[in-house]
Amino acid sequence: MKRVDVLVFCLAATPALASGGESSNPFAGDVGVAVWTVVIFLIVVFVLGKFAWGPILGALQKREDFIRDSLESAKKDREESEAKLKEYTEQLTAARAEAKGIVDEGRRDAEVVQRKIEDTAKKEATALIDRARREIQIATDTAVKDLYDLSGKLATDIASRIIRKELNAAEHERLIAESIDELSKVHRN
């Protein structure tokens, strides 16, 4: 048995021993028993207060402190978590806005590049068409000149056969030039 239990048992048995082993009724009006009962009660209260209630109250106080600290810690953790969540939400919102800005900027850059490519292609196409027109004009002029030259030669050959005489080179050139001029006049009209 525990020390406290033995002490309580001894104190409870003391009045019975003091009355000589007689059984007495505590409500019978015996003052000695009442005094001993009060004394034993006070001793039990003292012993319980010294050895039982102190540790029980201390344990209860520790438990209360632990619960209070746990609640405060949980509240602090919840507030920190809410702050972190708010911070992460703001960061996420900022990141989404930044990503949208990057995408928009990329889209604008792509449109600018597309316009530049289209403008360059148009300029190159225009330059190529102009060059082709010049080359066609040069080829046309060359073909017309060659045609005039050939026509002039044929005409002089035909004329020389008709008159049966040979023309000298200077006269030959003069007749070609006259034929070209006449053909040019006809071609222009």
N, C-alpha and C. Protein backbone atom coordinates (compact mmCIF):
# COMPACT_ATOMS: atom_id res chain seq x y z
N MET A 1 0.83 -1.18 0.00
CA MET A 1 0.00 0.00 0.00
C MET A 1 0.87 1.23 0.00
N LYS A 2 0.24 2.28 -0.40
CA LYS A 2 0.97 3.54 -0.43
C LYS A 2 1.03 4.12 0.97
N ARG A 3 1.98 4.97 1.15
CA ARG A 3 2.17 5.61 2.45
C ARG A 3 0.95 6.41 2.85
N VAL A 4 0.35 7.11 1.90
CA VAL A 4 -0.81 7.95 2.19
C VAL A 4 -1.98 7.07 2.64
N ASP A 5 -2.19 5.94 1.96
CA ASP A 5 -3.30 5.05 2.30
C ASP A 5 -3.13 4.47 3.71
N VAL A 6 -1.92 4.10 4.05
CA VAL A 6 -1.66 3.55 5.40
C VAL A 6 -1.91 4.62 6.45
N LEU A 7 -1.49 5.82 6.19
CA LEU A 7 -1.68 6.91 7.15
C LEU A 7 -3.16 7.21 7.35
N VAL A 8 -3.94 7.23 6.25
CA VAL A 8 -5.37 7.49 6.36
C VAL A 8 -6.05 6.36 7.14
N PHE A 9 -5.64 5.12 6.88
CA PHE A 9 -6.23 3.98 7.60
C PHE A 9 -5.95 4.08 9.09
N CYS A 10 -4.73 4.43 9.44
CA CYS A 10 -4.38 4.54 10.86
C CYS A 10 -5.16 5.65 11.53
N LEU A 11 -5.30 6.75 10.87
CA LEU A 11 -6.02 7.87 11.47
C LEU A 11 -7.52 7.55 11.61
N ALA A 12 -8.05 6.82 10.66
CA ALA A 12 -9.46 6.46 10.74
C ALA A 12 -9.69 5.44 11.86
N ALA A 13 -8.72 4.61 12.12
CA ALA A 13 -8.87 3.59 13.16
C ALA A 13 -8.62 4.14 14.56
N THR A 14 -8.00 5.27 14.70
CA THR A 14 -7.64 5.83 16.01
C THR A 14 -8.86 6.09 16.89
N PRO A 15 -9.97 6.66 16.39
CA PRO A 15 -11.12 6.87 17.29
C PRO A 15 -11.71 5.56 17.78
N ALA A 16 -11.69 4.55 16.91
CA ALA A 16 -12.24 3.27 17.34
C ALA A 16 -11.41 2.70 18.45
N LEU A 17 -10.11 2.87 18.37
CA LEU A 17 -9.24 2.36 19.43
C LEU A 17 -9.39 3.20 20.70
N ALA A 18 -9.62 4.49 20.55
CA ALA A 18 -9.75 5.36 21.71
C ALA A 18 -11.02 5.06 22.49
N SER A 19 -12.05 4.60 21.86
CA SER A 19 -13.30 4.33 22.56
C SER A 19 -13.29 2.94 23.18
N GLY A 20 -12.19 2.27 23.05
CA GLY A 20 -12.07 0.96 23.68
C GLY A 20 -12.67 -0.12 22.82
N GLY A 21 -12.76 0.05 21.58
CA GLY A 21 -13.25 -0.97 20.69
C GLY A 21 -14.76 -0.97 20.61
N GLU A 22 -15.41 -0.05 21.33
CA GLU A 22 -16.86 0.00 21.26
C GLU A 22 -17.28 0.70 20.00
N SER A 23 -18.34 0.21 19.48
CA SER A 23 -18.88 0.83 18.29
C SER A 23 -19.74 1.98 18.74
N SER A 24 -19.50 3.12 18.16
CA SER A 24 -20.27 4.28 18.56
C SER A 24 -20.85 4.96 17.35
N ASN A 25 -21.92 5.62 17.56
CA ASN A 25 -22.60 6.34 16.52
C ASN A 25 -22.06 7.76 16.54
N PRO A 26 -21.59 8.27 15.44
CA PRO A 26 -21.04 9.61 15.48
C PRO A 26 -22.11 10.65 15.72
N PHE A 27 -23.35 10.33 15.49
CA PHE A 27 -24.43 11.29 15.70
C PHE A 27 -25.07 11.12 17.09
N ALA A 28 -24.47 10.30 17.93
CA ALA A 28 -25.06 10.02 19.25
C ALA A 28 -24.80 11.15 20.21
N GLY A 29 -23.98 12.07 19.88
CA GLY A 29 -23.75 13.20 20.75
C GLY A 29 -22.50 13.07 21.59
N ASP A 30 -21.63 12.12 21.24
CA ASP A 30 -20.38 11.98 21.99
C ASP A 30 -19.41 13.03 21.47
N VAL A 31 -18.99 13.92 22.35
CA VAL A 31 -18.14 15.04 21.98
C VAL A 31 -16.73 14.54 21.65
N GLY A 32 -16.25 13.58 22.31
CA GLY A 32 -14.90 13.08 22.07
C GLY A 32 -14.78 12.50 20.68
N VAL A 33 -15.79 11.75 20.28
CA VAL A 33 -15.78 11.18 18.94
C VAL A 33 -15.86 12.30 17.92
N ALA A 34 -16.69 13.30 18.16
CA ALA A 34 -16.83 14.41 17.23
C ALA A 34 -15.52 15.16 17.09
N VAL A 35 -14.80 15.36 18.22
CA VAL A 35 -13.52 16.06 18.20
C VAL A 35 -12.51 15.23 17.41
N TRP A 36 -12.49 13.94 17.71
CA TRP A 36 -11.56 13.08 16.99
C TRP A 36 -11.90 13.03 15.50
N THR A 37 -13.16 13.04 15.17
CA THR A 37 -13.58 13.03 13.77
C THR A 37 -13.12 14.29 13.06
N VAL A 38 -13.28 15.43 13.75
CA VAL A 38 -12.83 16.71 13.17
C VAL A 38 -11.31 16.71 13.02
N VAL A 39 -10.60 16.20 14.04
CA VAL A 39 -9.13 16.17 14.00
C VAL A 39 -8.67 15.28 12.86
N ILE A 40 -9.28 14.10 12.77
CA ILE A 40 -8.90 13.16 11.70
C ILE A 40 -9.22 13.78 10.34
N PHE A 41 -10.38 14.44 10.26
CA PHE A 41 -10.75 15.10 9.00
C PHE A 41 -9.71 16.15 8.61
N LEU A 42 -9.29 16.95 9.58
CA LEU A 42 -8.29 17.98 9.31
C LEU A 42 -6.95 17.37 8.92
N ILE A 43 -6.59 16.27 9.58
CA ILE A 43 -5.32 15.59 9.25
C ILE A 43 -5.41 15.02 7.83
N VAL A 44 -6.57 14.41 7.51
CA VAL A 44 -6.76 13.85 6.17
C VAL A 44 -6.70 14.97 5.13
N VAL A 45 -7.37 16.10 5.44
CA VAL A 45 -7.32 17.23 4.51
C VAL A 45 -5.89 17.73 4.36
N PHE A 46 -5.16 17.83 5.47
CA PHE A 46 -3.76 18.28 5.42
C PHE A 46 -2.91 17.31 4.60
N VAL A 47 -3.04 16.02 4.89
CA VAL A 47 -2.24 15.01 4.18
C VAL A 47 -2.60 15.01 2.70
N LEU A 48 -3.91 15.02 2.40
CA LEU A 48 -4.31 15.05 1.01
C LEU A 48 -3.83 16.34 0.33
N GLY A 49 -3.93 17.46 1.03
CA GLY A 49 -3.46 18.74 0.48
C GLY A 49 -1.97 18.71 0.22
N LYS A 50 -1.22 18.11 1.13
CA LYS A 50 0.24 18.07 1.01
C LYS A 50 0.68 17.09 -0.06
N PHE A 51 0.10 15.88 -0.04
CA PHE A 51 0.61 14.83 -0.92
C PHE A 51 -0.25 14.55 -2.16
N ALA A 52 -1.53 14.83 -2.15
CA ALA A 52 -2.38 14.45 -3.27
C ALA A 52 -2.84 15.66 -4.07
N TRP A 53 -3.47 16.64 -3.38
CA TRP A 53 -4.03 17.75 -4.13
C TRP A 53 -2.96 18.61 -4.79
N GLY A 54 -1.86 18.79 -4.17
CA GLY A 54 -0.77 19.58 -4.78
C GLY A 54 -0.34 18.99 -6.12
N PRO A 55 0.03 17.67 -6.11
CA PRO A 55 0.40 17.08 -7.39
C PRO A 55 -0.76 17.05 -8.40
N ILE A 56 -1.99 16.78 -7.92
CA ILE A 56 -3.14 16.76 -8.83
C ILE A 56 -3.37 18.15 -9.40
N LEU A 57 -3.37 19.17 -8.54
CA LEU A 57 -3.56 20.53 -9.02
C LEU A 57 -2.39 20.96 -9.92
N GLY A 58 -1.17 20.54 -9.57
CA GLY A 58 -0.01 20.84 -10.41
C GLY A 58 -0.14 20.20 -11.78
N ALA A 59 -0.59 18.93 -11.79
CA ALA A 59 -0.78 18.24 -13.06
C ALA A 59 -1.89 18.92 -13.87
N LEU A 60 -2.97 19.30 -13.19
CA LEU A 60 -4.05 20.00 -13.88
C LEU A 60 -3.57 21.35 -14.42
N GLN A 61 -2.77 22.06 -13.61
CA GLN A 61 -2.23 23.35 -14.05
C GLN A 61 -1.31 23.16 -15.26
N LYS A 62 -0.47 22.10 -15.18
CA LYS A 62 0.41 21.82 -16.32
C LYS A 62 -0.41 21.50 -17.57
N ARG A 63 -1.46 20.70 -17.38
CA ARG A 63 -2.32 20.35 -18.51
C ARG A 63 -3.00 21.59 -19.07
N GLU A 64 -3.49 22.45 -18.16
CA GLU A 64 -4.12 23.69 -18.61
C GLU A 64 -3.13 24.56 -19.37
N ASP A 65 -1.90 24.67 -18.83
CA ASP A 65 -0.86 25.45 -19.51
C ASP A 65 -0.53 24.83 -20.88
N PHE A 66 -0.44 23.50 -20.92
CA PHE A 66 -0.15 22.81 -22.17
C PHE A 66 -1.25 23.07 -23.20
N ILE A 67 -2.50 22.97 -22.76
CA ILE A 67 -3.63 23.21 -23.67
C ILE A 67 -3.62 24.66 -24.14
N ARG A 68 -3.38 25.61 -23.21
CA ARG A 68 -3.34 27.02 -23.58
C ARG A 68 -2.21 27.27 -24.58
N ASP A 69 -1.01 26.71 -24.28
CA ASP A 69 0.13 26.87 -25.20
C ASP A 69 -0.17 26.24 -26.56
N SER A 70 -0.81 25.07 -26.53
CA SER A 70 -1.16 24.40 -27.79
C SER A 70 -2.15 25.24 -28.59
N LEU A 71 -3.15 25.80 -27.92
CA LEU A 71 -4.12 26.64 -28.61
C LEU A 71 -3.46 27.90 -29.17
N GLU A 72 -2.58 28.52 -28.38
CA GLU A 72 -1.88 29.71 -28.86
C GLU A 72 -0.97 29.35 -30.03
N SER A 73 -0.28 28.20 -29.92
CA SER A 73 0.60 27.76 -31.00
C SER A 73 -0.22 27.46 -32.25
N ALA A 74 -1.37 26.80 -32.08
CA ALA A 74 -2.24 26.50 -33.22
C ALA A 74 -2.76 27.78 -33.85
N LYS A 75 -3.14 28.76 -33.01
CA LYS A 75 -3.62 30.03 -33.53
C LYS A 75 -2.50 30.74 -34.30
N LYS A 76 -1.31 30.73 -33.71
CA LYS A 76 -0.17 31.36 -34.37
C LYS A 76 0.15 30.65 -35.69
N ASP A 77 0.13 29.31 -35.67
CA ASP A 77 0.38 28.54 -36.89
C ASP A 77 -0.69 28.81 -37.95
N ARG A 78 -1.96 28.91 -37.50
CA ARG A 78 -3.04 29.19 -38.44
C ARG A 78 -2.85 30.57 -39.06
N GLU A 79 -2.50 31.56 -38.23
CA GLU A 79 -2.29 32.92 -38.75
C GLU A 79 -1.12 32.94 -39.73
N GLU A 80 -0.03 32.21 -39.37
CA GLU A 80 1.12 32.14 -40.28
C GLU A 80 0.72 31.44 -41.58
N SER A 81 -0.07 30.37 -41.47
CA SER A 81 -0.52 29.65 -42.65
C SER A 81 -1.40 30.54 -43.53
N GLU A 82 -2.29 31.29 -42.90
CA GLU A 82 -3.14 32.21 -43.66
C GLU A 82 -2.31 33.28 -44.35
N ALA A 83 -1.29 33.78 -43.62
CA ALA A 83 -0.40 34.79 -44.22
C ALA A 83 0.37 34.20 -45.40
N LYS A 84 0.87 32.97 -45.23
CA LYS A 84 1.61 32.30 -46.30
C LYS A 84 0.67 32.04 -47.49
N LEU A 85 -0.55 31.59 -47.19
CA LEU A 85 -1.51 31.34 -48.26
C LEU A 85 -1.81 32.63 -49.02
N LYS A 86 -1.99 33.72 -48.30
CA LYS A 86 -2.24 35.01 -48.94
C LYS A 86 -1.04 35.41 -49.80
N GLU A 87 0.16 35.22 -49.24
CA GLU A 87 1.39 35.56 -49.96
C GLU A 87 1.51 34.70 -51.23
N TYR A 88 1.26 33.39 -51.09
CA TYR A 88 1.35 32.50 -52.25
C TYR A 88 0.28 32.85 -53.28
N THR A 89 -0.90 33.20 -52.80
CA THR A 89 -1.97 33.60 -53.72
C THR A 89 -1.56 34.85 -54.48
N GLU A 90 -0.99 35.81 -53.79
CA GLU A 90 -0.53 37.04 -54.45
C GLU A 90 0.58 36.73 -55.44
N GLN A 91 1.51 35.84 -55.04
CA GLN A 91 2.59 35.47 -55.95
C GLN A 91 2.03 34.75 -57.18
N LEU A 92 1.05 33.87 -56.96
CA LEU A 92 0.45 33.16 -58.08
C LEU A 92 -0.27 34.13 -59.01
N THR A 93 -0.98 35.08 -58.43
CA THR A 93 -1.66 36.09 -59.24
C THR A 93 -0.64 36.91 -60.04
N ALA A 94 0.43 37.29 -59.36
CA ALA A 94 1.47 38.06 -60.05
C ALA A 94 2.12 37.23 -61.16
N ALA A 95 2.36 35.96 -60.87
CA ALA A 95 2.97 35.08 -61.88
C ALA A 95 2.04 34.91 -63.08
N ARG A 96 0.74 34.76 -62.80
CA ARG A 96 -0.22 34.64 -63.92
C ARG A 96 -0.24 35.92 -64.74
N ALA A 97 -0.23 37.06 -64.07
CA ALA A 97 -0.22 38.34 -64.79
C ALA A 97 1.05 38.48 -65.61
N GLU A 98 2.18 38.09 -65.02
CA GLU A 98 3.45 38.17 -65.74
C GLU A 98 3.45 37.23 -66.95
N ALA A 99 2.93 36.01 -66.75
CA ALA A 99 2.87 35.06 -67.85
C ALA A 99 1.97 35.60 -68.97
N LYS A 100 0.84 36.19 -68.59
CA LYS A 100 -0.07 36.77 -69.59
C LYS A 100 0.63 37.90 -70.33
N GLY A 101 1.39 38.72 -69.57
CA GLY A 101 2.14 39.80 -70.20
C GLY A 101 3.19 39.27 -71.18
N ILE A 102 3.86 38.20 -70.78
CA ILE A 102 4.88 37.61 -71.66
C ILE A 102 4.23 37.07 -72.92
N VAL A 103 3.09 36.38 -72.75
CA VAL A 103 2.39 35.84 -73.92
C VAL A 103 1.93 36.98 -74.83
N ASP A 104 1.37 38.03 -74.23
CA ASP A 104 0.91 39.17 -75.03
C ASP A 104 2.08 39.82 -75.75
N GLU A 105 3.20 39.97 -75.05
CA GLU A 105 4.37 40.57 -75.66
C GLU A 105 4.89 39.69 -76.81
N GLY A 106 4.88 38.38 -76.59
CA GLY A 106 5.29 37.45 -77.65
C GLY A 106 4.38 37.55 -78.86
N ARG A 107 3.08 37.68 -78.58
CA ARG A 107 2.11 37.82 -79.67
C ARG A 107 2.38 39.11 -80.45
N ARG A 108 2.61 40.21 -79.70
CA ARG A 108 2.89 41.49 -80.38
C ARG A 108 4.17 41.39 -81.19
N ASP A 109 5.21 40.77 -80.60
CA ASP A 109 6.47 40.61 -81.33
C ASP A 109 6.28 39.77 -82.59
N ALA A 110 5.47 38.72 -82.46
CA ALA A 110 5.21 37.87 -83.63
C ALA A 110 4.48 38.65 -84.72
N GLU A 111 3.53 39.50 -84.33
CA GLU A 111 2.82 40.31 -85.31
C GLU A 111 3.76 41.29 -85.99
N VAL A 112 4.67 41.89 -85.20
CA VAL A 112 5.64 42.83 -85.79
C VAL A 112 6.54 42.09 -86.78
N VAL A 113 7.02 40.92 -86.37
CA VAL A 113 7.89 40.14 -87.27
C VAL A 113 7.12 39.73 -88.52
N GLN A 114 5.85 39.33 -88.34
CA GLN A 114 5.04 38.95 -89.49
C GLN A 114 4.87 40.12 -90.45
N ARG A 115 4.59 41.32 -89.89
CA ARG A 115 4.45 42.51 -90.75
C ARG A 115 5.75 42.81 -91.48
N LYS A 116 6.88 42.69 -90.76
CA LYS A 116 8.17 42.95 -91.39
C LYS A 116 8.43 41.96 -92.52
N ILE A 117 8.11 40.68 -92.26
CA ILE A 117 8.33 39.66 -93.29
C ILE A 117 7.44 39.94 -94.50
N GLU A 118 6.16 40.30 -94.24
CA GLU A 118 5.25 40.60 -95.34
C GLU A 118 5.74 41.81 -96.12
N ASP A 119 6.17 42.86 -95.41
CA ASP A 119 6.67 44.06 -96.09
C ASP A 119 7.91 43.72 -96.93
N THR A 120 8.82 42.94 -96.35
CA THR A 120 10.03 42.55 -97.08
C THR A 120 9.66 41.73 -98.31
N ALA A 121 8.72 40.80 -98.13
CA ALA A 121 8.30 39.96 -99.26
C ALA A 121 7.66 40.81 -100.35
N LYS A 122 6.82 41.79 -99.95
CA LYS A 122 6.20 42.68 -100.93
C LYS A 122 7.25 43.49 -101.67
N LYS A 123 8.22 44.02 -100.93
CA LYS A 123 9.27 44.82 -101.57
C LYS A 123 10.08 43.96 -102.53
N GLU A 124 10.41 42.74 -102.09
CA GLU A 124 11.19 41.86 -102.96
C GLU A 124 10.38 41.47 -104.19
N ALA A 125 9.08 41.20 -103.99
CA ALA A 125 8.23 40.85 -105.13
C ALA A 125 8.13 42.03 -106.09
N THR A 126 7.95 43.23 -105.55
CA THR A 126 7.87 44.42 -106.40
C THR A 126 9.18 44.62 -107.16
N ALA A 127 10.29 44.46 -106.45
CA ALA A 127 11.60 44.62 -107.10
C ALA A 127 11.79 43.55 -108.18
N LEU A 128 11.36 42.32 -107.87
CA LEU A 128 11.50 41.24 -108.84
C LEU A 128 10.62 41.50 -110.07
N ILE A 129 9.41 41.98 -109.85
CA ILE A 129 8.51 42.30 -110.97
C ILE A 129 9.09 43.43 -111.80
N ASP A 130 9.61 44.49 -111.13
CA ASP A 130 10.21 45.61 -111.87
C ASP A 130 11.41 45.13 -112.69
N ARG A 131 12.23 44.29 -112.10
CA ARG A 131 13.41 43.77 -112.79
C ARG A 131 12.97 42.93 -113.99
N ALA A 132 11.94 42.10 -113.76
CA ALA A 132 11.44 41.27 -114.86
C ALA A 132 10.89 42.15 -115.98
N ARG A 133 10.18 43.22 -115.63
CA ARG A 133 9.65 44.14 -116.64
C ARG A 133 10.79 44.79 -117.43
N ARG A 134 11.84 45.22 -116.70
CA ARG A 134 12.99 45.83 -117.38
C ARG A 134 13.65 44.82 -118.32
N GLU A 135 13.81 43.58 -117.82
CA GLU A 135 14.44 42.56 -118.65
C GLU A 135 13.58 42.25 -119.87
N ILE A 136 12.23 42.20 -119.64
CA ILE A 136 11.33 41.97 -120.76
C ILE A 136 11.43 43.11 -121.77
N GLN A 137 11.49 44.34 -121.24
CA GLN A 137 11.61 45.51 -122.12
C GLN A 137 12.92 45.46 -122.90
N ILE A 138 14.00 45.12 -122.18
CA ILE A 138 15.31 45.03 -122.86
C ILE A 138 15.26 43.93 -123.91
N ALA A 139 14.67 42.76 -123.54
CA ALA A 139 14.59 41.65 -124.49
C ALA A 139 13.72 42.04 -125.68
N THR A 140 12.62 42.76 -125.40
CA THR A 140 11.75 43.21 -126.48
C THR A 140 12.49 44.16 -127.40
N ASP A 141 13.18 45.14 -126.77
CA ASP A 141 13.94 46.10 -127.60
C ASP A 141 15.01 45.39 -128.43
N THR A 142 15.68 44.43 -127.81
CA THR A 142 16.73 43.69 -128.53
C THR A 142 16.13 42.89 -129.67
N ALA A 143 14.98 42.22 -129.37
CA ALA A 143 14.33 41.43 -130.41
C ALA A 143 13.86 42.31 -131.55
N VAL A 144 13.31 43.48 -131.22
CA VAL A 144 12.86 44.40 -132.27
C VAL A 144 14.04 44.87 -133.09
N LYS A 145 15.15 45.21 -132.45
CA LYS A 145 16.34 45.66 -133.16
C LYS A 145 16.86 44.55 -134.05
N ASP A 146 16.92 43.33 -133.48
CA ASP A 146 17.39 42.20 -134.29
C ASP A 146 16.45 41.98 -135.48
N LEU A 147 15.14 42.11 -135.21
CA LEU A 147 14.16 41.96 -136.29
C LEU A 147 14.37 43.04 -137.37
N TYR A 148 14.59 44.28 -136.94
CA TYR A 148 14.85 45.35 -137.90
C TYR A 148 16.11 45.07 -138.71
N ASP A 149 17.16 44.63 -137.96
CA ASP A 149 18.42 44.33 -138.66
C ASP A 149 18.19 43.23 -139.70
N LEU A 150 17.49 42.17 -139.29
CA LEU A 150 17.24 41.06 -140.19
C LEU A 150 16.35 41.49 -141.36
N SER A 151 15.34 42.29 -141.02
CA SER A 151 14.46 42.79 -142.08
C SER A 151 15.24 43.64 -143.06
N GLY A 152 16.12 44.47 -142.52
CA GLY A 152 16.94 45.33 -143.40
C GLY A 152 17.83 44.52 -144.30
N LYS A 153 18.46 43.50 -143.75
CA LYS A 153 19.34 42.64 -144.56
C LYS A 153 18.54 41.94 -145.64
N LEU A 154 17.39 41.40 -145.22
CA LEU A 154 16.55 40.71 -146.21
C LEU A 154 16.10 41.68 -147.31
N ALA A 155 15.73 42.86 -146.88
CA ALA A 155 15.27 43.86 -147.87
C ALA A 155 16.40 44.21 -148.84
N THR A 156 17.60 44.41 -148.31
CA THR A 156 18.72 44.75 -149.19
C THR A 156 19.10 43.58 -150.08
N ASP A 157 19.00 42.36 -149.51
CA ASP A 157 19.30 41.19 -150.34
C ASP A 157 18.28 41.09 -151.48
N ILE A 158 17.03 41.30 -151.13
CA ILE A 158 15.97 41.22 -152.14
C ILE A 158 16.19 42.35 -153.17
N ALA A 159 16.50 43.54 -152.68
CA ALA A 159 16.69 44.68 -153.59
C ALA A 159 17.91 44.45 -154.49
N SER A 160 18.98 43.94 -153.92
CA SER A 160 20.17 43.71 -154.73
C SER A 160 19.93 42.63 -155.76
N ARG A 161 19.13 41.69 -155.45
CA ARG A 161 18.80 40.65 -156.42
C ARG A 161 17.95 41.25 -157.52
N ILE A 162 17.08 42.17 -157.07
CA ILE A 162 16.21 42.79 -158.07
C ILE A 162 17.07 43.62 -159.02
N ILE A 163 17.90 44.44 -158.52
CA ILE A 163 18.68 45.32 -159.41
C ILE A 163 19.96 44.64 -159.86
N ARG A 164 20.25 43.57 -159.41
CA ARG A 164 21.35 42.71 -159.77
C ARG A 164 22.68 43.39 -159.65
N LYS A 165 22.77 44.07 -158.68
CA LYS A 165 24.09 44.64 -158.47
C LYS A 165 24.43 44.59 -157.01
N GLU A 166 25.63 44.61 -156.71
CA GLU A 166 26.12 44.49 -155.35
C GLU A 166 26.31 45.88 -154.80
N LEU A 167 25.81 46.06 -153.55
CA LEU A 167 25.97 47.34 -152.89
C LEU A 167 27.24 47.30 -152.04
N ASN A 168 27.83 48.44 -151.89
CA ASN A 168 29.01 48.46 -151.02
C ASN A 168 28.55 48.53 -149.57
N ALA A 169 29.46 48.36 -148.61
CA ALA A 169 29.12 48.26 -147.19
C ALA A 169 28.50 49.53 -146.66
N ALA A 170 28.95 50.69 -147.06
CA ALA A 170 28.42 51.95 -146.56
C ALA A 170 27.00 52.13 -147.03
N GLU A 171 26.74 51.83 -148.28
CA GLU A 171 25.39 51.96 -148.79
C GLU A 171 24.48 50.93 -148.13
N HIS A 172 25.04 49.80 -147.86
CA HIS A 172 24.29 48.73 -147.19
C HIS A 172 23.84 49.18 -145.81
N GLU A 173 24.69 49.80 -145.05
CA GLU A 173 24.39 50.31 -143.71
C GLU A 173 23.35 51.40 -143.79
N ARG A 174 23.44 52.29 -144.80
CA ARG A 174 22.49 53.38 -144.96
C ARG A 174 21.11 52.83 -145.25
N LEU A 175 20.99 51.85 -146.09
CA LEU A 175 19.69 51.25 -146.40
C LEU A 175 19.09 50.56 -145.17
N ILE A 176 19.91 49.89 -144.38
CA ILE A 176 19.44 49.23 -143.14
C ILE A 176 18.90 50.27 -142.18
N ALA A 177 19.64 51.36 -141.98
CA ALA A 177 19.21 52.40 -141.06
C ALA A 177 17.89 53.00 -141.51
N GLU A 178 17.73 53.24 -142.84
CA GLU A 178 16.47 53.80 -143.36
C GLU A 178 15.32 52.83 -143.14
N SER A 179 15.59 51.55 -143.34
CA SER A 179 14.54 50.54 -143.14
C SER A 179 14.11 50.47 -141.68
N ILE A 180 15.08 50.56 -140.80
CA ILE A 180 14.80 50.52 -139.35
C ILE A 180 13.96 51.72 -138.98
N ASP A 181 14.32 52.89 -139.49
CA ASP A 181 13.55 54.10 -139.18
C ASP A 181 12.12 53.96 -139.66
N GLU A 182 11.94 53.43 -140.85
CA GLU A 182 10.59 53.28 -141.39
C GLU A 182 9.79 52.27 -140.57
N LEU A 183 10.43 51.16 -140.21
CA LEU A 183 9.75 50.17 -139.38
C LEU A 183 9.40 50.72 -138.00
N SER A 184 10.29 51.53 -137.45
CA SER A 184 10.03 52.14 -136.15
C SER A 184 8.83 53.06 -136.22
N LYS A 185 8.74 53.82 -137.30
CA LYS A 185 7.62 54.74 -137.48
C LYS A 185 6.31 53.94 -137.58
N VAL A 186 6.37 52.84 -138.35
CA VAL A 186 5.17 52.01 -138.51
C VAL A 186 4.78 51.35 -137.18
N HIS A 187 5.77 50.92 -136.47
CA HIS A 187 5.54 50.23 -135.19
C HIS A 187 4.97 51.19 -134.14
N ARG A 188 5.37 52.45 -134.16
CA ARG A 188 4.91 53.43 -133.20
C ARG A 188 3.46 53.83 -133.48
N ASN A 189 3.10 53.82 -134.69
CA ASN A 189 1.73 54.24 -135.06
C ASN A 189 0.85 53.07 -134.84
